[in-house]
Amino acid sequence: MSMPVIDDENRKKPLCYDPSRSKFIYYDEIIARAEPIVFPSTLSQSDRKKLVLERQVAGPDYSTQTISGSRITRNDMVQMIQNDEGMGKTTVEAEISYLNELLAEIKRNLK
């Protein structure tokens, strides 16, 4: 197995969050073993939201379109996450699932 490849845009996004230090943790810090892995599944719901919001803001601006035809921008998504609206909740769940799997793969490769 090899370490997951993270592109430059995604290196700017935190992979986890340490609530005891109010610190976002990034791929390069984990790989360098400068920071521990804190699995998002262990975080409170508000800390999960904080992590996903930071990932949204740190990433590039975007817009997407739903099946119903509504156009959604990054700022729209941030609002939906903050307000615990349907698509915002779904985004938090999907991001947390993705991050848990990615971090598990990274942890396996760091051994």
Protein backbone atom coordinates (compact mmCIF):
# COMPACT_ATOMS: atom_id res chain seq x y z
CA MET A 1 0.00 0.00 0.00
CA SER A 2 1.11 3.55 -0.58
CA MET A 3 0.31 6.83 1.05
CA PRO A 4 -2.79 8.54 -0.39
CA VAL A 5 -1.84 11.32 -2.78
CA ILE A 6 -3.24 14.70 -1.78
CA ASP A 7 -3.12 17.48 -4.38
CA ASP A 8 -1.97 21.01 -3.54
CA GLU A 9 -5.50 22.42 -3.24
CA ASN A 10 -6.47 19.74 -0.73
CA ARG A 11 -3.29 20.19 1.29
CA LYS A 12 -4.66 23.60 2.24
CA LYS A 13 -7.69 21.94 3.87
CA PRO A 14 -7.43 20.46 7.36
CA LEU A 15 -7.92 16.71 7.71
CA CYS A 16 -8.74 16.75 11.38
CA TYR A 17 -9.29 18.99 14.37
CA ASP A 18 -8.00 18.81 17.94
CA PRO A 19 -10.62 20.50 20.14
CA SER A 20 -8.36 20.43 23.23
CA ARG A 21 -6.05 22.91 21.45
CA SER A 22 -8.58 24.44 19.03
CA LYS A 23 -6.17 23.36 16.27
CA PHE A 24 -6.83 22.25 12.73
CA ILE A 25 -4.40 19.55 11.58
CA TYR A 26 -3.17 19.24 8.00
CA TYR A 27 -1.87 16.42 5.82
CA ASP A 28 1.73 17.63 5.82
CA GLU A 29 1.76 17.86 9.63
CA ILE A 30 0.43 14.30 9.94
CA ILE A 31 2.88 12.88 7.39
CA ALA A 32 5.78 14.61 9.16
CA ARG A 33 4.45 13.11 12.41
CA ALA A 34 4.38 16.62 13.86
CA GLU A 35 0.68 16.27 14.73
CA PRO A 36 -1.42 13.29 15.77
CA ILE A 37 -4.41 11.97 13.86
CA VAL A 38 -7.67 12.88 15.55
CA PHE A 39 -10.41 10.91 13.84
CA PRO A 40 -13.40 13.14 13.06
CA SER A 41 -15.75 10.38 14.20
CA THR A 42 -14.51 11.03 17.78
CA LEU A 43 -15.47 14.72 17.66
CA SER A 44 -18.66 16.31 18.93
CA GLN A 45 -21.20 17.32 16.31
CA SER A 46 -20.25 21.00 16.70
CA ASP A 47 -16.54 20.20 16.23
CA ARG A 48 -17.34 18.08 13.16
CA LYS A 49 -19.22 21.04 11.75
CA LYS A 50 -16.30 23.35 12.59
CA LEU A 51 -13.91 21.04 10.69
CA VAL A 52 -16.14 20.80 7.63
CA LEU A 53 -16.73 24.56 7.60
CA GLU A 54 -12.99 25.19 7.73
CA ARG A 55 -12.49 22.75 4.83
CA GLN A 56 -15.14 24.62 2.83
CA VAL A 57 -13.56 28.02 3.46
CA ALA A 58 -9.98 26.81 2.90
CA GLY A 59 -10.82 25.21 -0.43
CA PRO A 60 -11.29 26.93 -3.77
CA ASP A 61 -14.51 28.74 -4.57
CA TYR A 62 -16.99 26.57 -6.46
CA SER A 63 -20.55 26.22 -7.54
CA THR A 64 -22.51 23.09 -8.23
CA GLN A 65 -25.98 22.30 -9.42
CA THR A 66 -28.47 19.99 -7.76
CA ILE A 67 -30.69 17.55 -9.61
CA SER A 68 -33.62 19.92 -9.04
CA GLY A 69 -31.68 22.60 -10.89
CA SER A 70 -30.70 24.88 -8.01
CA ARG A 71 -27.20 26.34 -8.28
CA ILE A 72 -25.25 26.22 -5.02
CA THR A 73 -22.09 28.22 -4.34
CA ARG A 74 -19.50 27.59 -1.66
CA ASN A 75 -21.02 30.44 0.36
CA ASP A 76 -24.47 28.86 0.04
CA MET A 77 -23.05 25.58 1.30
CA VAL A 78 -21.36 27.29 4.25
CA GLN A 79 -24.73 28.85 5.18
CA MET A 80 -26.49 25.48 4.88
CA ILE A 81 -23.90 23.84 7.14
CA GLN A 82 -24.10 26.65 9.70
CA ASN A 83 -27.90 26.47 9.71
CA ASP A 84 -28.04 22.65 9.86
CA GLU A 85 -30.12 22.57 6.69
CA GLY A 86 -30.64 19.34 4.73
CA MET A 87 -27.83 19.57 2.21
CA GLY A 88 -25.53 21.09 4.82
CA LYS A 89 -26.13 18.14 7.16
CA THR A 90 -25.53 15.71 4.31
CA THR A 91 -22.29 17.48 3.42
CA VAL A 92 -21.03 17.24 7.00
CA GLU A 93 -21.84 13.51 7.14
CA ALA A 94 -20.17 12.85 3.78
CA GLU A 95 -17.04 14.84 4.64
CA ILE A 96 -16.68 13.14 8.03
CA SER A 97 -17.03 9.70 6.43
CA TYR A 98 -14.47 10.61 3.75
CA LEU A 99 -12.02 12.01 6.30
CA ASN A 100 -12.30 8.98 8.59
CA GLU A 101 -11.50 6.65 5.67
CA LEU A 102 -8.67 8.85 4.41
CA LEU A 103 -7.11 9.16 7.86
CA ALA A 104 -7.38 5.40 8.44
CA GLU A 105 -5.49 4.84 5.18
CA ILE A 106 -2.85 7.39 6.17
CA LYS A 107 -2.47 5.78 9.61
CA ARG A 108 -2.00 2.31 8.05
CA ASN A 109 0.75 3.69 5.82
CA LEU A 110 2.56 5.55 8.59
CA LYS A 111 3.27 2.33 10.49
